[in-house]
Structure formats: structure tokens, C-alpha cells
Amino acid sequence: MPFRDEPIVTLATFDTEFEAALARGALEAIGIRAMVPGEDSGSYIRRSRVLQGVELKVFETDRERAAVELRRMQIRIVETDDETSES
């Protein structure tokens, strides 16, 4: 994959790493690059995520399309603080 010099933004926050990984996989299956920072990084980080949630990140230019696709696939999106403050 070529290097993309653009911001990475949080698309959604999930309750579990499993949910975030499913959403990441669904997006990548249709060609949208997505990331779950710290995925598979061990139990220490996993415990700290219980309180914070697990973020799904995408490139800024893919944000709108990714949100539409997740909703179309009926994947529940928990809006981040950034999204709620913009409304």
C-alpha cells in the first residue's frame, strides 16, 4: 500500500476489541484502510481499554464513506467526542 500523507481520524469507539476488529475487517474488505491502534498488543492494554473503549481509525478522506458503509452493514457506531461537539 502506498504511503498516504494525510490525517488519521477516529471514526468510532467500540466496547470491545472484537467489535472494532469486525468493523475494521468489514471496511478493509471493501477497500477502505482502517486501523485499531494497539490491536493484539496484550492484556495490559486490553484492560485499560475497558474504561476508554476501542477506537477505529481511518484516513480523514475516507471518514464519510466509512461511516456510511458501517451504517449500511448495520454495525453500531458510538460517536466520539469530536463528532458530538461538531453537531
N, C-alpha and C. Protein backbone atom coordinates (compact mmCIF):
# COMPACT_ATOMS: atom_id res chain seq x y z
N MET A 1 0.85 -1.18 0.00
CA MET A 1 0.00 0.00 0.00
C MET A 1 0.89 1.24 0.00
N PRO A 2 0.58 2.20 -0.87
CA PRO A 2 1.38 3.42 -0.91
C PRO A 2 1.18 4.27 0.35
N PHE A 3 2.19 5.06 0.65
CA PHE A 3 2.15 5.97 1.79
C PHE A 3 1.11 7.05 1.54
N ARG A 4 0.32 7.39 2.55
CA ARG A 4 -0.68 8.45 2.44
C ARG A 4 -0.35 9.52 3.47
N ASP A 5 -0.04 10.70 2.99
CA ASP A 5 0.30 11.81 3.86
C ASP A 5 -0.95 12.63 4.16
N GLU A 6 -1.76 12.10 5.08
CA GLU A 6 -2.98 12.79 5.47
C GLU A 6 -3.34 12.39 6.90
N PRO A 7 -4.15 13.18 7.54
CA PRO A 7 -4.50 12.89 8.94
C PRO A 7 -5.30 11.59 9.08
N ILE A 8 -5.10 10.97 10.23
CA ILE A 8 -5.88 9.79 10.61
C ILE A 8 -6.84 10.24 11.70
N VAL A 9 -8.11 9.88 11.55
CA VAL A 9 -9.13 10.33 12.49
C VAL A 9 -9.86 9.13 13.10
N THR A 10 -10.44 9.36 14.26
CA THR A 10 -11.23 8.32 14.91
C THR A 10 -12.61 8.31 14.28
N LEU A 11 -13.00 7.17 13.75
CA LEU A 11 -14.31 7.01 13.13
C LEU A 11 -15.35 6.62 14.18
N ALA A 12 -14.97 5.72 15.08
CA ALA A 12 -15.92 5.22 16.06
C ALA A 12 -15.17 4.63 17.25
N THR A 13 -15.89 4.46 18.33
CA THR A 13 -15.36 3.80 19.52
C THR A 13 -16.26 2.61 19.82
N PHE A 14 -15.64 1.47 20.09
CA PHE A 14 -16.38 0.25 20.36
C PHE A 14 -16.12 -0.21 21.79
N ASP A 15 -17.04 -1.00 22.30
CA ASP A 15 -16.90 -1.51 23.66
C ASP A 15 -15.81 -2.56 23.78
N THR A 16 -15.58 -3.33 22.70
CA THR A 16 -14.60 -4.41 22.77
C THR A 16 -13.68 -4.37 21.56
N GLU A 17 -12.50 -4.95 21.72
CA GLU A 17 -11.57 -5.07 20.60
C GLU A 17 -12.15 -5.95 19.50
N PHE A 18 -12.94 -6.94 19.88
CA PHE A 18 -13.57 -7.83 18.91
C PHE A 18 -14.50 -7.05 17.97
N GLU A 19 -15.34 -6.18 18.53
CA GLU A 19 -16.24 -5.36 17.72
C GLU A 19 -15.46 -4.44 16.78
N ALA A 20 -14.42 -3.83 17.30
CA ALA A 20 -13.60 -2.93 16.49
C ALA A 20 -12.92 -3.70 15.36
N ALA A 21 -12.43 -4.89 15.65
CA ALA A 21 -11.77 -5.71 14.63
C ALA A 21 -12.76 -6.14 13.54
N LEU A 22 -13.99 -6.45 13.93
CA LEU A 22 -15.01 -6.79 12.93
C LEU A 22 -15.28 -5.61 12.00
N ALA A 23 -15.42 -4.44 12.57
CA ALA A 23 -15.66 -3.25 11.77
C ALA A 23 -14.47 -2.96 10.86
N ARG A 24 -13.25 -3.09 11.39
CA ARG A 24 -12.04 -2.88 10.59
C ARG A 24 -12.03 -3.85 9.41
N GLY A 25 -12.29 -5.10 9.68
CA GLY A 25 -12.31 -6.11 8.62
C GLY A 25 -13.36 -5.84 7.56
N ALA A 26 -14.53 -5.39 8.00
CA ALA A 26 -15.61 -5.08 7.05
C ALA A 26 -15.21 -3.93 6.14
N LEU A 27 -14.57 -2.90 6.71
CA LEU A 27 -14.12 -1.77 5.89
C LEU A 27 -13.01 -2.17 4.94
N GLU A 28 -12.05 -2.93 5.43
CA GLU A 28 -10.94 -3.33 4.58
C GLU A 28 -11.40 -4.25 3.45
N ALA A 29 -12.46 -5.02 3.67
CA ALA A 29 -12.99 -5.91 2.64
C ALA A 29 -13.55 -5.13 1.45
N ILE A 30 -13.94 -3.88 1.68
CA ILE A 30 -14.46 -3.06 0.57
C ILE A 30 -13.47 -1.97 0.15
N GLY A 31 -12.22 -2.11 0.62
CA GLY A 31 -11.16 -1.23 0.14
C GLY A 31 -10.90 0.02 0.95
N ILE A 32 -11.46 0.12 2.14
CA ILE A 32 -11.20 1.28 3.00
C ILE A 32 -10.19 0.87 4.06
N ARG A 33 -9.04 1.50 4.06
CA ARG A 33 -8.00 1.19 5.04
C ARG A 33 -8.44 1.66 6.41
N ALA A 34 -8.41 0.76 7.39
CA ALA A 34 -8.83 1.09 8.76
C ALA A 34 -7.82 0.50 9.74
N MET A 35 -7.73 1.12 10.91
CA MET A 35 -6.77 0.69 11.92
C MET A 35 -7.42 0.65 13.30
N VAL A 36 -6.98 -0.29 14.11
CA VAL A 36 -7.36 -0.34 15.53
C VAL A 36 -6.05 -0.27 16.30
N PRO A 37 -5.67 0.94 16.75
CA PRO A 37 -4.38 1.09 17.43
C PRO A 37 -4.26 0.15 18.64
N GLY A 38 -3.11 -0.51 18.73
CA GLY A 38 -2.86 -1.41 19.85
C GLY A 38 -3.50 -2.77 19.73
N GLU A 39 -4.11 -3.05 18.59
CA GLU A 39 -4.76 -4.35 18.40
C GLU A 39 -3.74 -5.47 18.61
N ASP A 40 -4.12 -6.49 19.35
CA ASP A 40 -3.26 -7.63 19.65
C ASP A 40 -1.98 -7.24 20.39
N SER A 41 -2.10 -6.25 21.28
CA SER A 41 -0.89 -5.81 21.98
C SER A 41 -0.78 -6.33 23.41
N GLY A 42 -1.64 -7.24 23.79
CA GLY A 42 -1.50 -7.86 25.09
C GLY A 42 -2.58 -7.46 26.08
N SER A 43 -2.60 -8.16 27.21
CA SER A 43 -3.67 -7.99 28.19
C SER A 43 -3.59 -6.67 28.96
N TYR A 44 -2.41 -6.10 29.11
CA TYR A 44 -2.30 -4.84 29.85
C TYR A 44 -3.11 -3.73 29.17
N ILE A 45 -2.91 -3.57 27.86
CA ILE A 45 -3.64 -2.54 27.12
C ILE A 45 -5.11 -2.91 27.06
N ARG A 46 -5.41 -4.18 26.91
CA ARG A 46 -6.80 -4.61 26.82
C ARG A 46 -7.57 -4.21 28.08
N ARG A 47 -6.94 -4.33 29.25
CA ARG A 47 -7.61 -3.95 30.50
C ARG A 47 -7.88 -2.45 30.54
N SER A 48 -6.93 -1.65 30.07
CA SER A 48 -7.13 -0.20 30.10
C SER A 48 -8.20 0.25 29.13
N ARG A 49 -8.47 -0.52 28.11
CA ARG A 49 -9.49 -0.17 27.13
C ARG A 49 -10.91 -0.39 27.64
N VAL A 50 -11.06 -1.15 28.69
CA VAL A 50 -12.40 -1.40 29.23
C VAL A 50 -13.07 -0.08 29.58
N LEU A 51 -12.32 0.85 30.15
CA LEU A 51 -12.88 2.14 30.53
C LEU A 51 -12.95 3.13 29.37
N GLN A 52 -11.99 3.07 28.47
CA GLN A 52 -11.90 4.05 27.40
C GLN A 52 -12.62 3.64 26.12
N GLY A 53 -12.81 2.39 25.88
CA GLY A 53 -13.34 1.92 24.61
C GLY A 53 -12.20 1.69 23.63
N VAL A 54 -12.53 1.07 22.51
CA VAL A 54 -11.54 0.73 21.49
C VAL A 54 -11.85 1.54 20.25
N GLU A 55 -10.87 2.32 19.81
CA GLU A 55 -11.09 3.23 18.69
C GLU A 55 -10.80 2.56 17.35
N LEU A 56 -11.62 2.90 16.38
CA LEU A 56 -11.42 2.51 14.99
C LEU A 56 -11.04 3.77 14.24
N LYS A 57 -9.90 3.73 13.56
CA LYS A 57 -9.39 4.93 12.89
C LYS A 57 -9.31 4.70 11.38
N VAL A 58 -9.53 5.78 10.65
CA VAL A 58 -9.44 5.76 9.19
C VAL A 58 -8.75 7.04 8.73
N PHE A 59 -8.33 7.06 7.47
CA PHE A 59 -7.81 8.30 6.91
C PHE A 59 -8.95 9.29 6.78
N GLU A 60 -8.65 10.56 6.99
CA GLU A 60 -9.68 11.60 7.00
C GLU A 60 -10.52 11.62 5.72
N THR A 61 -9.89 11.40 4.58
CA THR A 61 -10.65 11.43 3.33
C THR A 61 -11.60 10.24 3.18
N ASP A 62 -11.40 9.19 3.97
CA ASP A 62 -12.28 8.01 3.93
C ASP A 62 -13.37 8.05 4.99
N ARG A 63 -13.33 9.05 5.86
CA ARG A 63 -14.21 9.07 7.03
C ARG A 63 -15.70 8.96 6.68
N GLU A 64 -16.16 9.81 5.79
CA GLU A 64 -17.59 9.84 5.46
C GLU A 64 -18.04 8.54 4.82
N ARG A 65 -17.28 8.06 3.85
CA ARG A 65 -17.64 6.80 3.18
C ARG A 65 -17.62 5.64 4.17
N ALA A 66 -16.62 5.61 5.04
CA ALA A 66 -16.53 4.53 6.03
C ALA A 66 -17.73 4.53 6.97
N ALA A 67 -18.14 5.71 7.42
CA ALA A 67 -19.31 5.80 8.31
C ALA A 67 -20.57 5.32 7.60
N VAL A 68 -20.73 5.72 6.35
CA VAL A 68 -21.90 5.28 5.57
C VAL A 68 -21.90 3.77 5.42
N GLU A 69 -20.75 3.21 5.10
CA GLU A 69 -20.66 1.75 4.90
C GLU A 69 -20.92 0.98 6.19
N LEU A 70 -20.40 1.45 7.32
CA LEU A 70 -20.66 0.76 8.58
C LEU A 70 -22.15 0.79 8.91
N ARG A 71 -22.79 1.93 8.69
CA ARG A 71 -24.23 2.02 8.95
C ARG A 71 -25.00 1.10 8.00
N ARG A 72 -24.59 1.06 6.74
CA ARG A 72 -25.24 0.19 5.76
C ARG A 72 -25.13 -1.27 6.18
N MET A 73 -24.00 -1.64 6.77
CA MET A 73 -23.79 -3.01 7.24
C MET A 73 -24.39 -3.24 8.63
N GLN A 74 -25.04 -2.19 9.15
CA GLN A 74 -25.69 -2.23 10.46
C GLN A 74 -24.71 -2.51 11.59
N ILE A 75 -23.53 -1.95 11.47
CA ILE A 75 -22.54 -2.02 12.54
C ILE A 75 -22.73 -0.77 13.39
N ARG A 76 -22.99 -0.99 14.65
CA ARG A 76 -23.28 0.11 15.58
C ARG A 76 -22.04 1.00 15.75
N ILE A 77 -22.24 2.29 15.56
CA ILE A 77 -21.16 3.25 15.71
C ILE A 77 -21.42 4.09 16.95
N VAL A 78 -20.46 4.12 17.86
CA VAL A 78 -20.54 5.00 19.02
C VAL A 78 -19.77 6.24 18.65
N GLU A 79 -20.46 7.37 18.58
CA GLU A 79 -19.81 8.61 18.17
C GLU A 79 -18.74 9.02 19.18
N THR A 80 -17.65 9.57 18.65
CA THR A 80 -16.59 10.07 19.51
C THR A 80 -16.95 11.47 19.98
N ASP A 81 -16.22 11.99 20.96
CA ASP A 81 -16.45 13.35 21.46
C ASP A 81 -16.29 14.36 20.35
N ASP A 82 -15.36 14.14 19.40
CA ASP A 82 -15.15 15.05 18.29
C ASP A 82 -16.40 15.19 17.44
N GLU A 83 -17.08 14.08 17.19
CA GLU A 83 -18.28 14.10 16.35
C GLU A 83 -19.45 14.77 17.06
N THR A 84 -19.60 14.53 18.35
CA THR A 84 -20.74 15.11 19.06
C THR A 84 -20.56 16.60 19.26
N SER A 85 -19.34 17.09 19.36
CA SER A 85 -19.12 18.52 19.53
C SER A 85 -19.31 19.29 18.23
N GLU A 86 -19.18 18.59 17.06
CA GLU A 86 -19.37 19.22 15.77
C GLU A 86 -20.84 19.44 15.45
N SER A 87 -21.72 18.70 16.09
CA SER A 87 -23.15 18.77 15.76
C SER A 87 -23.79 20.02 16.29
